[in-house]
Amino acid sequence: MKILSIDHVQIAIPPGGEDRARAFYGGMLGLSEVDKPQAMAERKSIWFAAGSVNLHLGIETDFHAAKRAHPAFVVEGLDEILSSCERAGLYVKPDVSFNGFRRVHIFDPFGNRLEFMQRAKP
């Protein structure tokens, strides 16, 4: 057996957070909401995609924000993302750059940690 790729990452949000999630992940980050397959339509979640990146937000009654575990997104326009998040009052934390990437952690409206990486300019 060998692992070939990651299909998606799922993080949790609290019940009632769907509108804030859509505003942040769809509006600020530019991910597109996608329909779930009919067989999964009743599951309490929201699915987003951007190119080959798939992010699922599972709605959890006993929600706890992921403070350490996190997805890492490779992006272009990191400064624009950071400015938008800072204007929205979200916590932004620069991190150590390595392997040619500038790295920053942003905490979504629910406190989940997300990493954003942009290739550093030579």
N, C-alpha and C. Protein backbone atom coordinates (compact mmCIF):
# COMPACT_ATOMS: atom_id res chain seq x y z
N MET A 1 0.83 -1.18 0.00
CA MET A 1 0.00 0.00 0.00
C MET A 1 0.88 1.24 0.00
N LYS A 2 0.45 2.26 -0.74
CA LYS A 2 1.12 3.56 -0.65
C LYS A 2 0.07 4.66 -0.75
N ILE A 3 0.27 5.71 0.02
CA ILE A 3 -0.64 6.86 0.00
C ILE A 3 -0.28 7.72 -1.20
N LEU A 4 -1.29 8.11 -1.97
CA LEU A 4 -1.05 8.86 -3.19
C LEU A 4 -1.29 10.36 -3.05
N SER A 5 -2.27 10.76 -2.25
CA SER A 5 -2.57 12.18 -2.09
C SER A 5 -3.57 12.35 -0.95
N ILE A 6 -3.85 13.60 -0.62
CA ILE A 6 -4.91 13.92 0.33
C ILE A 6 -6.09 14.43 -0.49
N ASP A 7 -7.24 13.85 -0.25
CA ASP A 7 -8.45 14.26 -0.96
C ASP A 7 -9.05 15.52 -0.36
N HIS A 8 -9.12 15.55 0.97
CA HIS A 8 -9.67 16.73 1.65
C HIS A 8 -9.21 16.76 3.10
N VAL A 9 -9.42 17.90 3.71
CA VAL A 9 -9.18 18.08 5.14
C VAL A 9 -10.50 18.56 5.73
N GLN A 10 -10.85 18.04 6.90
CA GLN A 10 -12.06 18.52 7.57
C GLN A 10 -11.68 19.15 8.90
N ILE A 11 -12.26 20.31 9.15
CA ILE A 11 -12.12 20.95 10.46
C ILE A 11 -13.52 21.19 10.99
N ALA A 12 -13.62 21.44 12.27
CA ALA A 12 -14.92 21.59 12.91
C ALA A 12 -15.30 23.06 13.08
N ILE A 13 -16.60 23.29 13.06
CA ILE A 13 -17.17 24.59 13.41
C ILE A 13 -18.35 24.32 14.34
N PRO A 14 -18.76 25.32 15.12
CA PRO A 14 -19.89 25.11 16.02
C PRO A 14 -21.23 25.22 15.30
N PRO A 15 -22.27 24.62 15.86
CA PRO A 15 -23.61 24.81 15.30
C PRO A 15 -23.95 26.30 15.26
N GLY A 16 -24.61 26.72 14.19
CA GLY A 16 -24.97 28.13 14.03
C GLY A 16 -23.87 28.97 13.43
N GLY A 17 -22.72 28.38 13.12
CA GLY A 17 -21.60 29.12 12.56
C GLY A 17 -21.55 29.12 11.05
N GLU A 18 -22.56 28.56 10.41
CA GLU A 18 -22.51 28.40 8.96
C GLU A 18 -22.37 29.73 8.21
N ASP A 19 -23.11 30.75 8.61
CA ASP A 19 -23.01 32.04 7.90
C ASP A 19 -21.63 32.67 8.06
N ARG A 20 -21.09 32.62 9.28
CA ARG A 20 -19.73 33.15 9.50
C ARG A 20 -18.70 32.34 8.73
N ALA A 21 -18.90 31.03 8.66
CA ALA A 21 -17.98 30.17 7.90
C ALA A 21 -18.01 30.53 6.42
N ARG A 22 -19.20 30.71 5.89
CA ARG A 22 -19.32 31.07 4.47
C ARG A 22 -18.69 32.45 4.20
N ALA A 23 -18.88 33.39 5.13
CA ALA A 23 -18.29 34.72 4.95
C ALA A 23 -16.77 34.66 4.98
N PHE A 24 -16.21 33.85 5.88
CA PHE A 24 -14.76 33.75 5.99
C PHE A 24 -14.16 32.90 4.88
N TYR A 25 -14.57 31.65 4.79
CA TYR A 25 -13.95 30.73 3.84
C TYR A 25 -14.33 31.04 2.40
N GLY A 26 -15.56 31.43 2.17
CA GLY A 26 -15.99 31.78 0.82
C GLY A 26 -15.66 33.22 0.47
N GLY A 27 -16.05 34.15 1.36
CA GLY A 27 -15.86 35.57 1.08
C GLY A 27 -14.43 36.04 1.19
N MET A 28 -13.81 35.83 2.35
CA MET A 28 -12.45 36.35 2.56
C MET A 28 -11.38 35.52 1.86
N LEU A 29 -11.51 34.20 1.93
CA LEU A 29 -10.46 33.35 1.36
C LEU A 29 -10.73 32.97 -0.10
N GLY A 30 -11.94 33.18 -0.56
CA GLY A 30 -12.24 32.92 -1.97
C GLY A 30 -12.47 31.47 -2.35
N LEU A 31 -12.70 30.61 -1.36
CA LEU A 31 -13.05 29.22 -1.68
C LEU A 31 -14.48 29.18 -2.19
N SER A 32 -14.78 28.24 -3.07
CA SER A 32 -16.13 28.09 -3.60
C SER A 32 -16.85 26.99 -2.85
N GLU A 33 -18.07 27.27 -2.42
CA GLU A 33 -18.86 26.22 -1.77
C GLU A 33 -19.32 25.24 -2.84
N VAL A 34 -19.20 23.96 -2.54
CA VAL A 34 -19.60 22.91 -3.49
C VAL A 34 -20.69 22.05 -2.86
N ASP A 35 -21.53 21.52 -3.72
CA ASP A 35 -22.59 20.62 -3.26
C ASP A 35 -22.00 19.29 -2.83
N LYS A 36 -22.55 18.75 -1.76
CA LYS A 36 -22.15 17.42 -1.32
C LYS A 36 -22.86 16.39 -2.20
N PRO A 37 -22.28 15.21 -2.34
CA PRO A 37 -22.98 14.15 -3.07
C PRO A 37 -24.33 13.86 -2.39
N GLN A 38 -25.31 13.46 -3.16
CA GLN A 38 -26.65 13.20 -2.63
C GLN A 38 -26.62 12.26 -1.43
N ALA A 39 -25.77 11.25 -1.48
CA ALA A 39 -25.69 10.28 -0.38
C ALA A 39 -25.22 10.91 0.93
N MET A 40 -24.60 12.11 0.87
CA MET A 40 -24.08 12.77 2.06
C MET A 40 -24.79 14.09 2.35
N ALA A 41 -25.83 14.38 1.62
CA ALA A 41 -26.51 15.67 1.72
C ALA A 41 -27.05 15.95 3.11
N GLU A 42 -27.43 14.94 3.86
CA GLU A 42 -27.99 15.13 5.19
C GLU A 42 -26.94 15.33 6.28
N ARG A 43 -25.68 15.09 5.97
CA ARG A 43 -24.63 15.27 6.97
C ARG A 43 -24.45 16.74 7.26
N LYS A 44 -24.20 17.04 8.50
CA LYS A 44 -24.05 18.44 8.93
C LYS A 44 -22.64 18.92 8.63
N SER A 45 -22.48 19.47 7.43
CA SER A 45 -21.17 19.97 7.01
C SER A 45 -21.35 20.92 5.83
N ILE A 46 -20.29 21.68 5.59
CA ILE A 46 -20.22 22.57 4.43
C ILE A 46 -18.93 22.21 3.72
N TRP A 47 -18.99 22.08 2.40
CA TRP A 47 -17.80 21.74 1.62
C TRP A 47 -17.37 22.92 0.77
N PHE A 48 -16.05 23.13 0.73
CA PHE A 48 -15.46 24.19 -0.09
C PHE A 48 -14.35 23.60 -0.96
N ALA A 49 -14.06 24.29 -2.05
CA ALA A 49 -12.96 23.86 -2.93
C ALA A 49 -12.33 25.08 -3.59
N ALA A 50 -11.05 24.93 -3.93
CA ALA A 50 -10.31 25.90 -4.74
C ALA A 50 -9.27 25.08 -5.50
N GLY A 51 -9.47 24.90 -6.80
CA GLY A 51 -8.56 24.04 -7.56
C GLY A 51 -8.61 22.63 -7.00
N SER A 52 -7.45 22.09 -6.67
CA SER A 52 -7.38 20.72 -6.14
C SER A 52 -7.51 20.66 -4.62
N VAL A 53 -7.72 21.81 -3.98
CA VAL A 53 -7.85 21.88 -2.52
C VAL A 53 -9.32 21.71 -2.14
N ASN A 54 -9.59 20.75 -1.27
CA ASN A 54 -10.94 20.51 -0.77
C ASN A 54 -10.93 20.63 0.74
N LEU A 55 -11.82 21.48 1.26
CA LEU A 55 -11.93 21.70 2.69
C LEU A 55 -13.37 21.45 3.10
N HIS A 56 -13.55 20.58 4.09
CA HIS A 56 -14.88 20.29 4.62
C HIS A 56 -14.96 20.86 6.03
N LEU A 57 -16.06 21.51 6.34
CA LEU A 57 -16.31 22.04 7.67
C LEU A 57 -17.41 21.21 8.29
N GLY A 58 -17.06 20.43 9.31
CA GLY A 58 -18.04 19.61 10.01
C GLY A 58 -18.64 20.37 11.18
N ILE A 59 -19.95 20.36 11.28
CA ILE A 59 -20.64 21.06 12.35
C ILE A 59 -20.73 20.12 13.55
N GLU A 60 -20.08 20.52 14.65
CA GLU A 60 -20.00 19.66 15.83
C GLU A 60 -20.68 20.31 17.02
N THR A 61 -21.60 19.57 17.63
CA THR A 61 -22.31 20.06 18.81
C THR A 61 -21.34 20.36 19.95
N ASP A 62 -20.39 19.47 20.17
CA ASP A 62 -19.40 19.63 21.25
C ASP A 62 -18.12 20.22 20.66
N PHE A 63 -18.25 21.38 20.03
CA PHE A 63 -17.14 22.00 19.29
C PHE A 63 -16.00 22.44 20.20
N HIS A 64 -14.77 22.16 19.76
CA HIS A 64 -13.55 22.67 20.36
C HIS A 64 -12.64 23.09 19.22
N ALA A 65 -12.17 24.31 19.25
CA ALA A 65 -11.29 24.80 18.18
C ALA A 65 -9.99 24.02 18.15
N ALA A 66 -9.47 23.80 16.96
CA ALA A 66 -8.17 23.15 16.77
C ALA A 66 -7.10 24.22 16.89
N LYS A 67 -6.38 24.23 18.01
CA LYS A 67 -5.37 25.25 18.27
C LYS A 67 -4.01 24.87 17.71
N ARG A 68 -3.72 23.57 17.61
CA ARG A 68 -2.42 23.13 17.08
C ARG A 68 -2.57 22.41 15.74
N ALA A 69 -3.46 21.45 15.69
CA ALA A 69 -3.71 20.74 14.42
C ALA A 69 -4.24 21.76 13.41
N HIS A 70 -3.78 21.65 12.15
CA HIS A 70 -4.19 22.65 11.17
C HIS A 70 -3.89 22.20 9.76
N PRO A 71 -4.67 22.69 8.79
CA PRO A 71 -4.29 22.54 7.39
C PRO A 71 -3.33 23.66 7.03
N ALA A 72 -2.49 23.43 6.04
CA ALA A 72 -1.57 24.46 5.54
C ALA A 72 -1.89 24.68 4.06
N PHE A 73 -2.19 25.91 3.70
CA PHE A 73 -2.55 26.26 2.34
C PHE A 73 -1.40 27.02 1.68
N VAL A 74 -1.01 26.61 0.49
CA VAL A 74 -0.03 27.37 -0.30
C VAL A 74 -0.84 28.38 -1.10
N VAL A 75 -0.47 29.65 -0.96
CA VAL A 75 -1.27 30.73 -1.55
C VAL A 75 -0.41 31.70 -2.34
N GLU A 76 -1.09 32.54 -3.11
CA GLU A 76 -0.51 33.74 -3.70
C GLU A 76 -1.29 34.89 -3.08
N GLY A 77 -0.66 36.03 -2.91
CA GLY A 77 -1.36 37.18 -2.33
C GLY A 77 -1.50 37.09 -0.82
N LEU A 78 -0.49 36.56 -0.16
CA LEU A 78 -0.55 36.40 1.29
C LEU A 78 -0.80 37.72 2.01
N ASP A 79 -0.14 38.79 1.58
CA ASP A 79 -0.33 40.09 2.25
C ASP A 79 -1.78 40.56 2.16
N GLU A 80 -2.42 40.30 1.04
CA GLU A 80 -3.83 40.68 0.88
C GLU A 80 -4.71 39.89 1.84
N ILE A 81 -4.45 38.60 1.96
CA ILE A 81 -5.20 37.75 2.90
C ILE A 81 -5.00 38.26 4.32
N LEU A 82 -3.74 38.54 4.68
CA LEU A 82 -3.44 39.01 6.03
C LEU A 82 -4.15 40.34 6.33
N SER A 83 -4.12 41.26 5.40
CA SER A 83 -4.78 42.55 5.59
C SER A 83 -6.28 42.38 5.82
N SER A 84 -6.91 41.54 5.01
CA SER A 84 -8.35 41.29 5.16
C SER A 84 -8.66 40.69 6.53
N CYS A 85 -7.85 39.74 6.94
CA CYS A 85 -8.08 39.08 8.23
C CYS A 85 -7.84 40.03 9.40
N GLU A 86 -6.81 40.84 9.31
CA GLU A 86 -6.54 41.81 10.37
C GLU A 86 -7.66 42.84 10.47
N ARG A 87 -8.16 43.32 9.32
CA ARG A 87 -9.28 44.27 9.32
C ARG A 87 -10.52 43.65 9.95
N ALA A 88 -10.67 42.34 9.80
CA ALA A 88 -11.83 41.64 10.37
C ALA A 88 -11.63 41.30 11.84
N GLY A 89 -10.46 41.64 12.38
CA GLY A 89 -10.19 41.39 13.79
C GLY A 89 -9.77 39.97 14.11
N LEU A 90 -9.34 39.22 13.10
CA LEU A 90 -8.89 37.84 13.32
C LEU A 90 -7.43 37.84 13.79
N TYR A 91 -7.10 36.87 14.61
CA TYR A 91 -5.74 36.75 15.14
C TYR A 91 -4.81 36.22 14.05
N VAL A 92 -3.74 36.96 13.78
CA VAL A 92 -2.74 36.62 12.77
C VAL A 92 -1.40 36.49 13.47
N LYS A 93 -0.68 35.39 13.22
CA LYS A 93 0.59 35.14 13.90
C LYS A 93 1.66 34.71 12.88
N PRO A 94 2.60 35.60 12.56
CA PRO A 94 3.69 35.21 11.66
C PRO A 94 4.49 34.06 12.27
N ASP A 95 5.04 33.20 11.42
CA ASP A 95 5.84 32.07 11.88
C ASP A 95 7.16 32.06 11.13
N VAL A 96 8.02 31.16 11.50
CA VAL A 96 9.35 31.03 10.91
C VAL A 96 9.22 30.62 9.44
N SER A 97 9.95 31.30 8.58
CA SER A 97 9.99 30.92 7.17
C SER A 97 11.02 29.82 7.00
N PHE A 98 10.71 28.85 6.12
CA PHE A 98 11.68 27.80 5.81
C PHE A 98 11.33 27.16 4.47
N ASN A 99 12.30 26.46 3.91
CA ASN A 99 12.15 25.79 2.61
C ASN A 99 11.63 26.73 1.53
N GLY A 100 11.99 28.00 1.64
CA GLY A 100 11.60 28.96 0.61
C GLY A 100 10.18 29.48 0.75
N PHE A 101 9.53 29.24 1.90
CA PHE A 101 8.16 29.71 2.10
C PHE A 101 8.07 30.68 3.27
N ARG A 102 7.33 31.74 3.07
CA ARG A 102 6.93 32.63 4.16
C ARG A 102 5.66 32.02 4.75
N ARG A 103 5.59 31.94 6.08
CA ARG A 103 4.49 31.24 6.74
C ARG A 103 3.81 32.13 7.77
N VAL A 104 2.48 32.05 7.81
CA VAL A 104 1.69 32.81 8.77
C VAL A 104 0.52 31.94 9.22
N HIS A 105 0.20 32.03 10.51
CA HIS A 105 -0.99 31.35 11.02
C HIS A 105 -2.09 32.37 11.23
N ILE A 106 -3.28 32.00 10.81
CA ILE A 106 -4.48 32.81 11.00
C ILE A 106 -5.48 31.93 11.72
N PHE A 107 -6.18 32.51 12.67
CA PHE A 107 -7.20 31.76 13.39
C PHE A 107 -8.56 32.18 12.85
N ASP A 108 -9.32 31.20 12.36
CA ASP A 108 -10.61 31.50 11.75
C ASP A 108 -11.58 32.08 12.78
N PRO A 109 -12.78 32.47 12.39
CA PRO A 109 -13.71 33.09 13.33
C PRO A 109 -14.09 32.20 14.53
N PHE A 110 -13.74 30.91 14.46
CA PHE A 110 -14.09 29.97 15.53
C PHE A 110 -12.88 29.59 16.37
N GLY A 111 -11.70 30.14 16.02
CA GLY A 111 -10.48 29.85 16.76
C GLY A 111 -9.64 28.73 16.19
N ASN A 112 -10.05 28.15 15.04
CA ASN A 112 -9.25 27.10 14.41
C ASN A 112 -8.01 27.70 13.76
N ARG A 113 -6.90 27.02 13.95
CA ARG A 113 -5.62 27.47 13.38
C ARG A 113 -5.51 27.03 11.92
N LEU A 114 -5.15 27.97 11.07
CA LEU A 114 -4.91 27.71 9.65
C LEU A 114 -3.54 28.27 9.31
N GLU A 115 -2.78 27.52 8.53
CA GLU A 115 -1.47 28.02 8.09
C GLU A 115 -1.55 28.41 6.63
N PHE A 116 -0.95 29.56 6.32
CA PHE A 116 -0.86 30.05 4.95
C PHE A 116 0.60 30.20 4.60
N MET A 117 0.97 29.65 3.44
CA MET A 117 2.36 29.64 3.00
C MET A 117 2.45 30.25 1.60
N GLN A 118 3.40 31.14 1.44
CA GLN A 118 3.64 31.72 0.11
C GLN A 118 5.11 31.60 -0.20
N ARG A 119 5.40 31.19 -1.43
CA ARG A 119 6.80 31.07 -1.85
C ARG A 119 7.46 32.43 -1.71
N ALA A 120 8.58 32.47 -1.01
CA ALA A 120 9.30 33.73 -0.80
C ALA A 120 9.93 34.18 -2.10
N LYS A 121 9.98 35.48 -2.28
CA LYS A 121 10.62 36.04 -3.48
C LYS A 121 12.12 35.93 -3.32
N PRO A 122 12.81 35.54 -4.40
CA PRO A 122 14.29 35.40 -4.30
C PRO A 122 14.99 36.71 -4.08
